[in-house]
Amino acid sequence: VRQYFDPTAIAGFNLNVGNGTFRHIS
């Protein structure tokens, strides 16, 4: 099991980190 994607690493964006941030993955 590994970390796949960290939204806080996206430059220039402010994310309310939590389940509500993610909507879908292909």
PDB file of all heavy atoms in Angstrom:
ATOM      1  N   VAL A   1       0.863  -1.182   0.000  1.00  0.00           N
ATOM      2  CA  VAL A   1       0.000   0.000   0.000  1.00  0.00           C
ATOM      3  C   VAL A   1       0.901   1.233   0.000  1.00  0.00           C
ATOM      4  O   VAL A   1       1.821   1.328   0.805  1.00  0.00           O
ATOM      5  CB  VAL A   1      -0.930   0.018   1.224  1.00  0.00           C
ATOM      6  CG1 VAL A   1      -1.772   1.295   1.227  1.00  0.00           C
ATOM      7  CG2 VAL A   1      -1.832  -1.207   1.246  1.00  0.00           C
ATOM      8  N   ARG A   2       0.646   2.161  -0.890  1.00  0.00           N
ATOM      9  CA  ARG A   2       1.472   3.359  -0.981  1.00  0.00           C
ATOM     10  C   ARG A   2       0.609   4.590  -1.237  1.00  0.00           C
ATOM     11  O   ARG A   2      -0.541   4.476  -1.669  1.00  0.00           O
ATOM     12  CB  ARG A   2       2.499   3.213  -2.100  1.00  0.00           C
ATOM     13  CG  ARG A   2       1.889   3.006  -3.490  1.00  0.00           C
ATOM     14  CD  ARG A   2       2.946   2.821  -4.558  1.00  0.00           C
ATOM     15  NE  ARG A   2       2.397   2.453  -5.846  1.00  0.00           N
ATOM     16  CZ  ARG A   2       1.942   3.307  -6.748  1.00  0.00           C
ATOM     17  NH1 ARG A   2       1.973   4.621  -6.493  1.00  0.00           N
ATOM     18  NH2 ARG A   2       1.470   2.875  -7.908  1.00  0.00           N
ATOM     19  N   GLN A   3       1.163   5.746  -0.959  1.00  0.00           N
ATOM     20  CA  GLN A   3       0.475   6.994  -1.286  1.00  0.00           C
ATOM     21  C   GLN A   3       0.537   7.204  -2.785  1.00  0.00           C
ATOM     22  O   GLN A   3       1.604   7.101  -3.389  1.00  0.00           O
ATOM     23  CB  GLN A   3       1.137   8.158  -0.567  1.00  0.00           C
ATOM     24  CG  GLN A   3       0.496   9.511  -0.875  1.00  0.00           C
ATOM     25  CD  GLN A   3       1.184  10.639  -0.131  1.00  0.00           C
ATOM     26  OE1 GLN A   3       1.227  10.656   1.087  1.00  0.00           O
ATOM     27  NE2 GLN A   3       1.736  11.594  -0.871  1.00  0.00           N
ATOM     28  N   TYR A   4      -0.612   7.501  -3.381  1.00  0.00           N
ATOM     29  CA  TYR A   4      -0.676   7.677  -4.827  1.00  0.00           C
ATOM     30  C   TYR A   4      -0.726   9.139  -5.227  1.00  0.00           C
ATOM     31  O   TYR A   4      -0.120   9.539  -6.224  1.00  0.00           O
ATOM     32  CB  TYR A   4      -1.907   6.949  -5.379  1.00  0.00           C
ATOM     33  CG  TYR A   4      -2.010   6.973  -6.884  1.00  0.00           C
ATOM     34  CD1 TYR A   4      -1.243   6.116  -7.658  1.00  0.00           C
ATOM     35  CD2 TYR A   4      -2.875   7.851  -7.528  1.00  0.00           C
ATOM     36  CE1 TYR A   4      -1.317   6.130  -9.045  1.00  0.00           C
ATOM     37  CE2 TYR A   4      -2.965   7.882  -8.905  1.00  0.00           C
ATOM     38  CZ  TYR A   4      -2.190   7.017  -9.667  1.00  0.00           C
ATOM     39  OH  TYR A   4      -2.265   7.041 -11.039  1.00  0.00           O
ATOM     40  N   PHE A   5      -1.443   9.958  -4.446  1.00  0.00           N
ATOM     41  CA  PHE A   5      -1.636  11.357  -4.838  1.00  0.00           C
ATOM     42  C   PHE A   5      -1.886  12.192  -3.597  1.00  0.00           C
ATOM     43  O   PHE A   5      -2.710  11.843  -2.751  1.00  0.00           O
ATOM     44  CB  PHE A   5      -2.816  11.472  -5.796  1.00  0.00           C
ATOM     45  CG  PHE A   5      -3.037  12.854  -6.360  1.00  0.00           C
ATOM     46  CD1 PHE A   5      -2.327  13.293  -7.467  1.00  0.00           C
ATOM     47  CD2 PHE A   5      -3.956  13.706  -5.789  1.00  0.00           C
ATOM     48  CE1 PHE A   5      -2.531  14.568  -7.985  1.00  0.00           C
ATOM     49  CE2 PHE A   5      -4.177  14.973  -6.296  1.00  0.00           C
ATOM     50  CZ  PHE A   5      -3.456  15.402  -7.405  1.00  0.00           C
ATOM     51  N   ASP A   6      -1.163  13.305  -3.475  1.00  0.00           N
ATOM     52  CA  ASP A   6      -1.312  14.216  -2.342  1.00  0.00           C
ATOM     53  C   ASP A   6      -1.774  15.571  -2.876  1.00  0.00           C
ATOM     54  O   ASP A   6      -1.010  16.273  -3.542  1.00  0.00           O
ATOM     55  CB  ASP A   6       0.011  14.372  -1.602  1.00  0.00           C
ATOM     56  CG  ASP A   6      -0.109  15.286  -0.384  1.00  0.00           C
ATOM     57  OD1 ASP A   6      -1.224  15.789  -0.115  1.00  0.00           O
ATOM     58  OD2 ASP A   6       0.903  15.501   0.290  1.00  0.00           O
ATOM     59  N   PRO A   7      -3.017  15.961  -2.614  1.00  0.00           N
ATOM     60  CA  PRO A   7      -3.526  17.225  -3.180  1.00  0.00           C
ATOM     61  C   PRO A   7      -2.807  18.457  -2.657  1.00  0.00           C
ATOM     62  O   PRO A   7      -2.794  19.497  -3.310  1.00  0.00           O
ATOM     63  CB  PRO A   7      -5.000  17.221  -2.768  1.00  0.00           C
ATOM     64  CG  PRO A   7      -5.047  16.345  -1.564  1.00  0.00           C
ATOM     65  CD  PRO A   7      -4.025  15.283  -1.797  1.00  0.00           C
ATOM     66  N   THR A   8      -2.194  18.371  -1.475  1.00  0.00           N
ATOM     67  CA  THR A   8      -1.509  19.545  -0.931  1.00  0.00           C
ATOM     68  C   THR A   8      -0.237  19.867  -1.706  1.00  0.00           C
ATOM     69  O   THR A   8       0.339  20.938  -1.535  1.00  0.00           O
ATOM     70  CB  THR A   8      -1.141  19.317   0.545  1.00  0.00           C
ATOM     71  OG1 THR A   8      -0.252  18.184   0.651  1.00  0.00           O
ATOM     72  CG2 THR A   8      -2.376  19.036   1.369  1.00  0.00           C
ATOM     73  N   ALA A   9       0.205  18.944  -2.566  1.00  0.00           N
ATOM     74  CA  ALA A   9       1.414  19.178  -3.348  1.00  0.00           C
ATOM     75  C   ALA A   9       1.157  19.977  -4.617  1.00  0.00           C
ATOM     76  O   ALA A   9       2.085  20.318  -5.343  1.00  0.00           O
ATOM     77  CB  ALA A   9       2.062  17.840  -3.714  1.00  0.00           C
ATOM     78  N   ILE A  10      -0.111  20.284  -4.900  1.00  0.00           N
ATOM     79  CA  ILE A  10      -0.440  21.042  -6.106  1.00  0.00           C
ATOM     80  C   ILE A  10      -0.108  22.511  -5.877  1.00  0.00           C
ATOM     81  O   ILE A  10      -0.682  23.162  -5.006  1.00  0.00           O
ATOM     82  CB  ILE A  10      -1.929  20.888  -6.469  1.00  0.00           C
ATOM     83  CG1 ILE A  10      -2.267  19.414  -6.702  1.00  0.00           C
ATOM     84  CG2 ILE A  10      -2.265  21.707  -7.700  1.00  0.00           C
ATOM     85  CD1 ILE A  10      -3.723  19.170  -6.971  1.00  0.00           C
ATOM     86  N   ALA A  11       0.798  23.043  -6.660  1.00  0.00           N
ATOM     87  CA  ALA A  11       1.244  24.424  -6.488  1.00  0.00           C
ATOM     88  C   ALA A  11       0.167  25.415  -6.932  1.00  0.00           C
ATOM     89  O   ALA A  11      -0.507  25.208  -7.929  1.00  0.00           O
ATOM     90  CB  ALA A  11       2.526  24.653  -7.289  1.00  0.00           C
ATOM     91  N   GLY A  12       0.010  26.487  -6.165  1.00  0.00           N
ATOM     92  CA  GLY A  12      -0.889  27.568  -6.560  1.00  0.00           C
ATOM     93  C   GLY A  12      -2.337  27.366  -6.190  1.00  0.00           C
ATOM     94  O   GLY A  12      -3.191  28.180  -6.528  1.00  0.00           O
ATOM     95  N   PHE A  13      -2.643  26.277  -5.479  1.00  0.00           N
ATOM     96  CA  PHE A  13      -4.036  26.029  -5.114  1.00  0.00           C
ATOM     97  C   PHE A  13      -4.153  25.815  -3.618  1.00  0.00           C
ATOM     98  O   PHE A  13      -3.247  25.289  -2.962  1.00  0.00           O
ATOM     99  CB  PHE A  13      -4.580  24.815  -5.854  1.00  0.00           C
ATOM    100  CG  PHE A  13      -4.831  25.060  -7.311  1.00  0.00           C
ATOM    101  CD1 PHE A  13      -3.847  24.812  -8.248  1.00  0.00           C
ATOM    102  CD2 PHE A  13      -6.049  25.555  -7.747  1.00  0.00           C
ATOM    103  CE1 PHE A  13      -4.061  25.047  -9.589  1.00  0.00           C
ATOM    104  CE2 PHE A  13      -6.279  25.798  -9.092  1.00  0.00           C
ATOM    105  CZ  PHE A  13      -5.283  25.543 -10.013  1.00  0.00           C
ATOM    106  N   ASN A  14      -5.274  26.246  -3.088  1.00  0.00           N
ATOM    107  CA  ASN A  14      -5.575  26.042  -1.685  1.00  0.00           C
ATOM    108  C   ASN A  14      -6.671  24.989  -1.597  1.00  0.00           C
ATOM    109  O   ASN A  14      -7.749  25.164  -2.154  1.00  0.00           O
ATOM    110  CB  ASN A  14      -6.057  27.351  -1.038  1.00  0.00           C
ATOM    111  CG  ASN A  14      -6.626  27.119   0.343  1.00  0.00           C
ATOM    112  OD1 ASN A  14      -5.955  26.545   1.185  1.00  0.00           O
ATOM    113  ND2 ASN A  14      -7.851  27.565   0.563  1.00  0.00           N
ATOM    114  N   LEU A  15      -6.395  23.880  -0.939  1.00  0.00           N
ATOM    115  CA  LEU A  15      -7.373  22.804  -0.857  1.00  0.00           C
ATOM    116  C   LEU A  15      -7.820  22.605   0.577  1.00  0.00           C
ATOM    117  O   LEU A  15      -7.004  22.583   1.503  1.00  0.00           O
ATOM    118  CB  LEU A  15      -6.788  21.487  -1.392  1.00  0.00           C
ATOM    119  CG  LEU A  15      -6.583  21.431  -2.899  1.00  0.00           C
ATOM    120  CD1 LEU A  15      -5.172  21.855  -3.241  1.00  0.00           C
ATOM    121  CD2 LEU A  15      -6.850  20.035  -3.409  1.00  0.00           C
ATOM    122  N   ASN A  16      -9.109  22.469   0.748  1.00  0.00           N
ATOM    123  CA  ASN A  16      -9.654  22.045   2.027  1.00  0.00           C
ATOM    124  C   ASN A  16      -9.494  20.532   2.075  1.00  0.00           C
ATOM    125  O   ASN A  16     -10.367  19.791   1.677  1.00  0.00           O
ATOM    126  CB  ASN A  16     -11.118  22.450   2.150  1.00  0.00           C
ATOM    127  CG  ASN A  16     -11.719  21.988   3.459  1.00  0.00           C
ATOM    128  OD1 ASN A  16     -11.002  21.681   4.404  1.00  0.00           O
ATOM    129  ND2 ASN A  16     -13.043  21.961   3.512  1.00  0.00           N
ATOM    130  N   VAL A  17      -8.330  20.086   2.514  1.00  0.00           N
ATOM    131  CA  VAL A  17      -7.962  18.684   2.363  1.00  0.00           C
ATOM    132  C   VAL A  17      -8.927  17.792   3.133  1.00  0.00           C
ATOM    133  O   VAL A  17      -9.185  17.990   4.306  1.00  0.00           O
ATOM    134  CB  VAL A  17      -6.521  18.448   2.843  1.00  0.00           C
ATOM    135  CG1 VAL A  17      -6.169  16.975   2.743  1.00  0.00           C
ATOM    136  CG2 VAL A  17      -5.569  19.275   2.008  1.00  0.00           C
ATOM    137  N   GLY A  18      -9.450  16.819   2.465  1.00  0.00           N
ATOM    138  CA  GLY A  18     -10.395  15.887   3.055  1.00  0.00           C
ATOM    139  C   GLY A  18     -11.076  15.119   1.953  1.00  0.00           C
ATOM    140  O   GLY A  18     -10.784  15.286   0.767  1.00  0.00           O
ATOM    141  N   ASN A  19     -11.995  14.253   2.347  1.00  0.00           N
ATOM    142  CA  ASN A  19     -12.670  13.435   1.352  1.00  0.00           C
ATOM    143  C   ASN A  19     -13.467  14.274   0.359  1.00  0.00           C
ATOM    144  O   ASN A  19     -13.677  13.879  -0.782  1.00  0.00           O
ATOM    145  CB  ASN A  19     -13.586  12.429   2.051  1.00  0.00           C
ATOM    146  CG  ASN A  19     -12.791  11.423   2.887  1.00  0.00           C
ATOM    147  OD1 ASN A  19     -11.591  11.288   2.705  1.00  0.00           O
ATOM    148  ND2 ASN A  19     -13.461  10.755   3.792  1.00  0.00           N
ATOM    149  N   GLY A  20     -13.948  15.448   0.795  1.00  0.00           N
ATOM    150  CA  GLY A  20     -14.740  16.281  -0.097  1.00  0.00           C
ATOM    151  C   GLY A  20     -13.948  16.895  -1.229  1.00  0.00           C
ATOM    152  O   GLY A  20     -14.507  17.349  -2.215  1.00  0.00           O
ATOM    153  N   THR A  21     -12.602  16.923  -1.111  1.00  0.00           N
ATOM    154  CA  THR A  21     -11.771  17.469  -2.168  1.00  0.00           C
ATOM    155  C   THR A  21     -11.813  16.586  -3.409  1.00  0.00           C
ATOM    156  O   THR A  21     -11.887  17.060  -4.527  1.00  0.00           O
ATOM    157  CB  THR A  21     -10.318  17.607  -1.669  1.00  0.00           C
ATOM    158  OG1 THR A  21     -10.300  18.512  -0.568  1.00  0.00           O
ATOM    159  CG2 THR A  21      -9.414  18.131  -2.762  1.00  0.00           C
ATOM    160  N   PHE A  22     -11.781  15.276  -3.215  1.00  0.00           N
ATOM    161  CA  PHE A  22     -11.769  14.332  -4.320  1.00  0.00           C
ATOM    162  C   PHE A  22     -13.183  14.082  -4.836  1.00  0.00           C
ATOM    163  O   PHE A  22     -14.117  13.914  -4.065  1.00  0.00           O
ATOM    164  CB  PHE A  22     -11.160  12.998  -3.880  1.00  0.00           C
ATOM    165  CG  PHE A  22      -9.671  13.055  -3.680  1.00  0.00           C
ATOM    166  CD1 PHE A  22      -9.135  13.303  -2.430  1.00  0.00           C
ATOM    167  CD2 PHE A  22      -8.798  12.862  -4.745  1.00  0.00           C
ATOM    168  CE1 PHE A  22      -7.780  13.364  -2.229  1.00  0.00           C
ATOM    169  CE2 PHE A  22      -7.432  12.926  -4.552  1.00  0.00           C
ATOM    170  CZ  PHE A  22      -6.917  13.170  -3.296  1.00  0.00           C
ATOM    171  N   ARG A  23     -13.325  14.049  -6.154  1.00  0.00           N
ATOM    172  CA  ARG A  23     -14.622  13.789  -6.759  1.00  0.00           C
ATOM    173  C   ARG A  23     -14.623  12.510  -7.589  1.00  0.00           C
ATOM    174  O   ARG A  23     -15.635  11.811  -7.634  1.00  0.00           O
ATOM    175  CB  ARG A  23     -15.032  14.972  -7.646  1.00  0.00           C
ATOM    176  CG  ARG A  23     -15.111  16.292  -6.912  1.00  0.00           C
ATOM    177  CD  ARG A  23     -16.127  16.274  -5.792  1.00  0.00           C
ATOM    178  NE  ARG A  23     -16.102  17.526  -5.049  1.00  0.00           N
ATOM    179  CZ  ARG A  23     -16.879  17.800  -4.013  1.00  0.00           C
ATOM    180  NH1 ARG A  23     -17.734  16.909  -3.595  1.00  0.00           N
ATOM    181  NH2 ARG A  23     -16.793  18.952  -3.386  1.00  0.00           N
ATOM    182  N   HIS A  24     -13.495  12.201  -8.242  1.00  0.00           N
ATOM    183  CA  HIS A  24     -13.483  11.041  -9.131  1.00  0.00           C
ATOM    184  C   HIS A  24     -12.053  10.724  -9.537  1.00  0.00           C
ATOM    185  O   HIS A  24     -11.197  11.609  -9.566  1.00  0.00           O
ATOM    186  CB  HIS A  24     -14.316  11.330 -10.386  1.00  0.00           C
ATOM    187  CG  HIS A  24     -14.512  10.147 -11.284  1.00  0.00           C
ATOM    188  ND1 HIS A  24     -15.533   9.244 -11.113  1.00  0.00           N
ATOM    189  CD2 HIS A  24     -13.822   9.708 -12.355  1.00  0.00           C
ATOM    190  CE1 HIS A  24     -15.480   8.319 -12.047  1.00  0.00           C
ATOM    191  NE2 HIS A  24     -14.426   8.577 -12.814  1.00  0.00           N
ATOM    192  N   ILE A  25     -11.791   9.461  -9.828  1.00  0.00           N
ATOM    193  CA  ILE A  25     -10.529   9.050 -10.420  1.00  0.00           C
ATOM    194  C   ILE A  25     -10.830   8.101 -11.567  1.00  0.00           C
ATOM    195  O   ILE A  25     -11.708   7.233 -11.460  1.00  0.00           O
ATOM    196  CB  ILE A  25      -9.583   8.394  -9.388  1.00  0.00           C
ATOM    197  CG1 ILE A  25      -8.237   8.053 -10.051  1.00  0.00           C
ATOM    198  CG2 ILE A  25     -10.214   7.178  -8.734  1.00  0.00           C
ATOM    199  CD1 ILE A  25      -7.156   7.675  -9.068  1.00  0.00           C
ATOM    200  N   SER A  26     -10.140   8.281 -12.677  1.00  0.00           N
ATOM    201  CA  SER A  26     -10.377   7.435 -13.840  1.00  0.00           C
ATOM    202  C   SER A  26      -9.855   6.025 -13.574  1.00  0.00           C
ATOM    203  O   SER A  26      -8.959   5.830 -12.747  1.00  0.00           O
ATOM    204  CB  SER A  26      -9.683   8.018 -15.075  1.00  0.00           C
ATOM    205  OG  SER A  26      -8.276   8.079 -14.876  1.00  0.00           O
TER     206      SER A  26
END
